[in-house]
Amino acid sequence: MMVSCFTSSRESPRDFLYLVVVFILSFSTKISLWIREWVTNQFYGFANESMDERLFFPATQRNRLAIGEVLSEFLPKRGCILEIGSGSGEHAVTFQDMFPQILWQTSDPDASCRKSISSWISHYHLSSKMPEPIDLDVKQRPWQVKTKFCSTFQCVICINMIHIASWDCTKALFEGSKD
């Protein structure tokens, strides 16, 4: 019966695609993230491409799902997470999708990275779920992290900083996250 539904002349290829997408989404986070990106590009297009300020880091494409799987074992079920040094924002939108009951607050001291994060949030239509990134330099204490969405954070995540930052930044990260 499903086969006849797919081959019916009344059903459009878009209807078929929709059924396939729904079927796959129910089974795999990895596949669903890829499909969401593809569907977003196909159906929403690139109308704002000239204003798109997304940065793309190849390492993020390779490691985001593996990191997400590890985080799923440690993150709280609900609450606010502060990500330090969010970089391009690619990890952040992936994790906001993977953990919808968590509010993922991004931060970065670099203005171009904050623009990229905002562009990724917009590209994935997460503006209603995910706040804009905050300007946070871990060495400037106390951290100004209270937002209209979160006054406290259940967890601090840092994926993109320690391996490229100075030792002073690493120490500041641990000192600041205690507060």
C-alpha atoms as a PDB file:
ATOM      1  CA  MET A   1       0.000   0.000   0.000  1.00  0.00           C
ATOM      2  CA  MET A   2       2.842   2.429   0.752  1.00  0.00           C
ATOM      3  CA  VAL A   3       4.369   1.718  -2.664  1.00  0.00           C
ATOM      4  CA  SER A   4       1.151   2.595  -4.443  1.00  0.00           C
ATOM      5  CA  CYS A   5       1.026   5.828  -2.462  1.00  0.00           C
ATOM      6  CA  PHE A   6       4.496   6.768  -3.723  1.00  0.00           C
ATOM      7  CA  THR A   7       3.760   5.897  -7.336  1.00  0.00           C
ATOM      8  CA  SER A   8       0.365   7.546  -7.519  1.00  0.00           C
ATOM      9  CA  SER A   9       0.164  10.240 -10.161  1.00  0.00           C
ATOM     10  CA  ARG A  10      -1.641  12.461  -7.653  1.00  0.00           C
ATOM     11  CA  GLU A  11       1.330  12.560  -5.283  1.00  0.00           C
ATOM     12  CA  SER A  12       4.082  15.002  -6.045  1.00  0.00           C
ATOM     13  CA  PRO A  13       7.793  14.251  -5.618  1.00  0.00           C
ATOM     14  CA  ARG A  14       7.788  16.767  -2.750  1.00  0.00           C
ATOM     15  CA  ASP A  15       5.177  14.651  -0.898  1.00  0.00           C
ATOM     16  CA  PHE A  16       7.348  11.602  -1.372  1.00  0.00           C
ATOM     17  CA  LEU A  17      10.392  13.510  -0.098  1.00  0.00           C
ATOM     18  CA  TYR A  18       8.415  14.646   2.928  1.00  0.00           C
ATOM     19  CA  LEU A  19       7.460  11.057   3.819  1.00  0.00           C
ATOM     20  CA  VAL A  20      11.028   9.856   3.415  1.00  0.00           C
ATOM     21  CA  VAL A  21      12.344  12.714   5.545  1.00  0.00           C
ATOM     22  CA  VAL A  22       9.830  12.030   8.319  1.00  0.00           C
ATOM     23  CA  PHE A  23      10.697   8.333   8.255  1.00  0.00           C
ATOM     24  CA  ILE A  24      14.434   8.924   8.467  1.00  0.00           C
ATOM     25  CA  LEU A  25      14.159  11.679  11.068  1.00  0.00           C
ATOM     26  CA  SER A  26      12.504   9.272  13.428  1.00  0.00           C
ATOM     27  CA  PHE A  27      15.521   6.956  13.358  1.00  0.00           C
ATOM     28  CA  SER A  28      18.794   8.810  13.288  1.00  0.00           C
ATOM     29  CA  THR A  29      20.114  12.077  14.671  1.00  0.00           C
ATOM     30  CA  LYS A  30      23.121  11.982  12.357  1.00  0.00           C
ATOM     31  CA  ILE A  31      21.013  11.558   9.268  1.00  0.00           C
ATOM     32  CA  SER A  32      18.422  14.038  10.492  1.00  0.00           C
ATOM     33  CA  LEU A  33      21.012  16.799  10.868  1.00  0.00           C
ATOM     34  CA  TRP A  34      22.241  16.238   7.333  1.00  0.00           C
ATOM     35  CA  ILE A  35      18.677  16.136   5.998  1.00  0.00           C
ATOM     36  CA  ARG A  36      17.677  19.259   7.914  1.00  0.00           C
ATOM     37  CA  GLU A  37      20.553  21.148   6.334  1.00  0.00           C
ATOM     38  CA  TRP A  38      19.699  19.837   2.866  1.00  0.00           C
ATOM     39  CA  VAL A  39      15.952  20.540   3.213  1.00  0.00           C
ATOM     40  CA  THR A  40      16.662  24.025   4.568  1.00  0.00           C
ATOM     41  CA  ASN A  41      18.837  24.781   1.556  1.00  0.00           C
ATOM     42  CA  GLN A  42      16.323  23.302  -0.910  1.00  0.00           C
ATOM     43  CA  PHE A  43      13.104  24.820   0.411  1.00  0.00           C
ATOM     44  CA  TYR A  44      14.251  28.054   2.033  1.00  0.00           C
ATOM     45  CA  GLY A  45      16.939  28.757  -0.515  1.00  0.00           C
ATOM     46  CA  PHE A  46      19.667  31.306  -0.188  1.00  0.00           C
ATOM     47  CA  ALA A  47      17.627  34.502  -0.339  1.00  0.00           C
ATOM     48  CA  ASN A  48      19.884  36.205   2.206  1.00  0.00           C
ATOM     49  CA  GLU A  49      23.119  34.750   0.900  1.00  0.00           C
ATOM     50  CA  SER A  50      24.631  38.183   0.326  1.00  0.00           C
ATOM     51  CA  MET A  51      24.077  38.951   4.020  1.00  0.00           C
ATOM     52  CA  ASP A  52      25.175  35.508   5.186  1.00  0.00           C
ATOM     53  CA  GLU A  53      28.174  35.802   7.483  1.00  0.00           C
ATOM     54  CA  ARG A  54      28.493  32.138   8.468  1.00  0.00           C
ATOM     55  CA  LEU A  55      31.996  30.832   8.955  1.00  0.00           C
ATOM     56  CA  PHE A  56      32.659  27.194   8.050  1.00  0.00           C
ATOM     57  CA  PHE A  57      35.292  25.147   9.878  1.00  0.00           C
ATOM     58  CA  PRO A  58      35.953  21.685   8.390  1.00  0.00           C
ATOM     59  CA  ALA A  59      36.882  20.204  11.787  1.00  0.00           C
ATOM     60  CA  THR A  60      33.413  21.040  13.096  1.00  0.00           C
ATOM     61  CA  GLN A  61      31.776  19.098  10.297  1.00  0.00           C
ATOM     62  CA  ARG A  62      33.914  16.100  11.221  1.00  0.00           C
ATOM     63  CA  ASN A  63      33.522  16.183  15.007  1.00  0.00           C
ATOM     64  CA  ARG A  64      30.171  17.753  15.912  1.00  0.00           C
ATOM     65  CA  LEU A  65      28.161  14.535  16.059  1.00  0.00           C
ATOM     66  CA  ALA A  66      30.835  12.645  18.010  1.00  0.00           C
ATOM     67  CA  ILE A  67      31.079  15.501  20.518  1.00  0.00           C
ATOM     68  CA  GLY A  68      27.284  15.606  20.750  1.00  0.00           C
ATOM     69  CA  GLU A  69      27.156  11.901  21.578  1.00  0.00           C
ATOM     70  CA  VAL A  70      29.649  12.377  24.416  1.00  0.00           C
ATOM     71  CA  LEU A  71      27.807  15.473  25.698  1.00  0.00           C
ATOM     72  CA  SER A  72      24.540  13.522  25.770  1.00  0.00           C
ATOM     73  CA  GLU A  73      25.987  11.431  28.598  1.00  0.00           C
ATOM     74  CA  PHE A  74      26.876  14.434  30.775  1.00  0.00           C
ATOM     75  CA  LEU A  75      24.551  17.356  30.058  1.00  0.00           C
ATOM     76  CA  PRO A  76      21.558  18.041  32.268  1.00  0.00           C
ATOM     77  CA  LYS A  77      18.166  17.229  30.758  1.00  0.00           C
ATOM     78  CA  ARG A  78      17.003  20.865  31.031  1.00  0.00           C
ATOM     79  CA  GLY A  79      18.438  24.266  31.742  1.00  0.00           C
ATOM     80  CA  CYS A  80      20.979  26.690  30.360  1.00  0.00           C
ATOM     81  CA  ILE A  81      24.406  25.865  28.979  1.00  0.00           C
ATOM     82  CA  LEU A  82      27.121  28.466  28.428  1.00  0.00           C
ATOM     83  CA  GLU A  83      29.507  27.712  25.591  1.00  0.00           C
ATOM     84  CA  ILE A  84      32.818  29.546  25.839  1.00  0.00           C
ATOM     85  CA  GLY A  85      34.609  30.413  22.593  1.00  0.00           C
ATOM     86  CA  SER A  86      31.790  29.302  20.306  1.00  0.00           C
ATOM     87  CA  GLY A  87      33.758  30.204  17.172  1.00  0.00           C
ATOM     88  CA  SER A  88      31.703  29.813  14.003  1.00  0.00           C
ATOM     89  CA  GLY A  89      28.546  28.676  15.831  1.00  0.00           C
ATOM     90  CA  GLU A  90      28.329  25.379  13.929  1.00  0.00           C
ATOM     91  CA  HIS A  91      28.630  23.312  17.121  1.00  0.00           C
ATOM     92  CA  ALA A  92      26.082  25.473  18.879  1.00  0.00           C
ATOM     93  CA  VAL A  93      23.263  25.066  16.345  1.00  0.00           C
ATOM     94  CA  THR A  94      23.963  21.340  16.124  1.00  0.00           C
ATOM     95  CA  PHE A  95      23.728  20.953  19.899  1.00  0.00           C
ATOM     96  CA  GLN A  96      20.651  23.183  20.183  1.00  0.00           C
ATOM     97  CA  ASP A  97      18.989  20.777  17.732  1.00  0.00           C
ATOM     98  CA  MET A  98      20.252  17.673  19.515  1.00  0.00           C
ATOM     99  CA  PHE A  99      19.209  18.910  22.976  1.00  0.00           C
ATOM    100  CA  PRO A 100      16.001  20.909  22.475  1.00  0.00           C
ATOM    101  CA  GLN A 101      15.175  21.095  26.207  1.00  0.00           C
ATOM    102  CA  ILE A 102      18.424  22.961  26.849  1.00  0.00           C
ATOM    103  CA  LEU A 103      19.007  26.616  26.063  1.00  0.00           C
ATOM    104  CA  TRP A 104      22.415  26.906  24.403  1.00  0.00           C
ATOM    105  CA  GLN A 105      24.014  30.300  25.118  1.00  0.00           C
ATOM    106  CA  THR A 106      26.973  31.012  22.857  1.00  0.00           C
ATOM    107  CA  SER A 107      29.813  33.420  23.494  1.00  0.00           C
ATOM    108  CA  ASP A 108      32.943  34.645  21.772  1.00  0.00           C
ATOM    109  CA  PRO A 109      35.197  37.683  22.168  1.00  0.00           C
ATOM    110  CA  ASP A 110      35.622  37.995  18.382  1.00  0.00           C
ATOM    111  CA  ALA A 111      32.979  40.130  16.634  1.00  0.00           C
ATOM    112  CA  SER A 112      33.239  38.203  13.345  1.00  0.00           C
ATOM    113  CA  CYS A 113      32.604  34.946  15.209  1.00  0.00           C
ATOM    114  CA  ARG A 114      29.550  36.436  16.929  1.00  0.00           C
ATOM    115  CA  LYS A 115      28.235  37.511  13.504  1.00  0.00           C
ATOM    116  CA  SER A 116      28.796  33.983  12.233  1.00  0.00           C
ATOM    117  CA  ILE A 117      26.988  32.505  15.234  1.00  0.00           C
ATOM    118  CA  SER A 118      24.025  34.812  14.627  1.00  0.00           C
ATOM    119  CA  SER A 119      24.003  33.817  10.947  1.00  0.00           C
ATOM    120  CA  TRP A 120      24.003  30.102  11.833  1.00  0.00           C
ATOM    121  CA  ILE A 121      21.142  30.655  14.295  1.00  0.00           C
ATOM    122  CA  SER A 122      19.188  32.468  11.598  1.00  0.00           C
ATOM    123  CA  HIS A 123      20.072  29.915   8.897  1.00  0.00           C
ATOM    124  CA  TYR A 124      18.677  27.081  11.027  1.00  0.00           C
ATOM    125  CA  HIS A 125      15.619  29.119  12.075  1.00  0.00           C
ATOM    126  CA  LEU A 126      16.517  28.843  15.764  1.00  0.00           C
ATOM    127  CA  SER A 127      16.025  32.508  16.685  1.00  0.00           C
ATOM    128  CA  SER A 128      13.008  31.733  18.841  1.00  0.00           C
ATOM    129  CA  LYS A 129      14.893  29.048  20.800  1.00  0.00           C
ATOM    130  CA  MET A 130      18.428  30.327  20.943  1.00  0.00           C
ATOM    131  CA  PRO A 131      19.683  33.704  22.206  1.00  0.00           C
ATOM    132  CA  GLU A 132      22.186  35.853  20.381  1.00  0.00           C
ATOM    133  CA  PRO A 133      25.853  35.284  21.308  1.00  0.00           C
ATOM    134  CA  ILE A 134      27.399  37.318  24.087  1.00  0.00           C
ATOM    135  CA  ASP A 135      30.745  39.108  23.986  1.00  0.00           C
ATOM    136  CA  LEU A 136      32.788  37.196  26.548  1.00  0.00           C
ATOM    137  CA  ASP A 137      36.548  37.247  27.064  1.00  0.00           C
ATOM    138  CA  VAL A 138      37.418  34.707  29.781  1.00  0.00           C
ATOM    139  CA  LYS A 139      40.280  36.882  31.054  1.00  0.00           C
ATOM    140  CA  GLN A 140      37.943  39.789  31.882  1.00  0.00           C
ATOM    141  CA  ARG A 141      36.415  38.982  35.250  1.00  0.00           C
ATOM    142  CA  PRO A 142      33.777  38.844  36.482  1.00  0.00           C
ATOM    143  CA  TRP A 143      32.087  37.365  33.450  1.00  0.00           C
ATOM    144  CA  GLN A 144      29.024  39.307  32.331  1.00  0.00           C
ATOM    145  CA  VAL A 145      26.879  36.335  31.387  1.00  0.00           C
ATOM    146  CA  LYS A 146      23.440  37.094  32.796  1.00  0.00           C
ATOM    147  CA  THR A 147      21.000  37.417  29.944  1.00  0.00           C
ATOM    148  CA  LYS A 148      17.262  37.857  29.674  1.00  0.00           C
ATOM    149  CA  PHE A 149      17.079  34.092  29.072  1.00  0.00           C
ATOM    150  CA  CYS A 150      19.412  32.771  31.779  1.00  0.00           C
ATOM    151  CA  SER A 151      20.590  34.168  35.089  1.00  0.00           C
ATOM    152  CA  THR A 152      22.432  30.959  36.016  1.00  0.00           C
ATOM    153  CA  PHE A 153      23.989  28.192  33.989  1.00  0.00           C
ATOM    154  CA  GLN A 154      23.917  24.494  34.803  1.00  0.00           C
ATOM    155  CA  CYS A 155      27.029  23.792  32.750  1.00  0.00           C
ATOM    156  CA  VAL A 156      29.927  25.534  31.016  1.00  0.00           C
ATOM    157  CA  ILE A 157      31.192  23.967  27.777  1.00  0.00           C
ATOM    158  CA  CYS A 158      34.436  24.841  26.011  1.00  0.00           C
ATOM    159  CA  ILE A 159      35.233  23.008  22.788  1.00  0.00           C
ATOM    160  CA  ASN A 160      37.235  25.445  20.694  1.00  0.00           C
ATOM    161  CA  MET A 161      39.555  27.316  23.005  1.00  0.00           C
ATOM    162  CA  ILE A 162      42.044  25.422  25.167  1.00  0.00           C
ATOM    163  CA  HIS A 163      44.037  23.892  22.326  1.00  0.00           C
ATOM    164  CA  ILE A 164      44.669  27.259  20.653  1.00  0.00           C
ATOM    165  CA  ALA A 165      44.665  29.764  23.534  1.00  0.00           C
ATOM    166  CA  SER A 166      47.391  30.876  25.895  1.00  0.00           C
ATOM    167  CA  TRP A 167      47.812  29.261  29.302  1.00  0.00           C
ATOM    168  CA  ASP A 168      46.422  32.457  30.898  1.00  0.00           C
ATOM    169  CA  CYS A 169      43.138  31.921  29.043  1.00  0.00           C
ATOM    170  CA  THR A 170      42.961  28.298  30.144  1.00  0.00           C
ATOM    171  CA  LYS A 171      43.482  29.265  33.790  1.00  0.00           C
ATOM    172  CA  ALA A 172      40.899  32.057  33.449  1.00  0.00           C
ATOM    173  CA  LEU A 173      38.409  29.584  31.975  1.00  0.00           C
ATOM    174  CA  PHE A 174      38.622  27.330  35.017  1.00  0.00           C
ATOM    175  CA  GLU A 175      38.604  30.216  37.493  1.00  0.00           C
ATOM    176  CA  GLY A 176      35.660  31.958  35.813  1.00  0.00           C
ATOM    177  CA  SER A 177      33.566  28.827  35.458  1.00  0.00           C
ATOM    178  CA  LYS A 178      33.680  28.323  39.245  1.00  0.00           C
ATOM    179  CA  ASP A 179      31.652  31.502  39.743  1.00  0.00           C
END
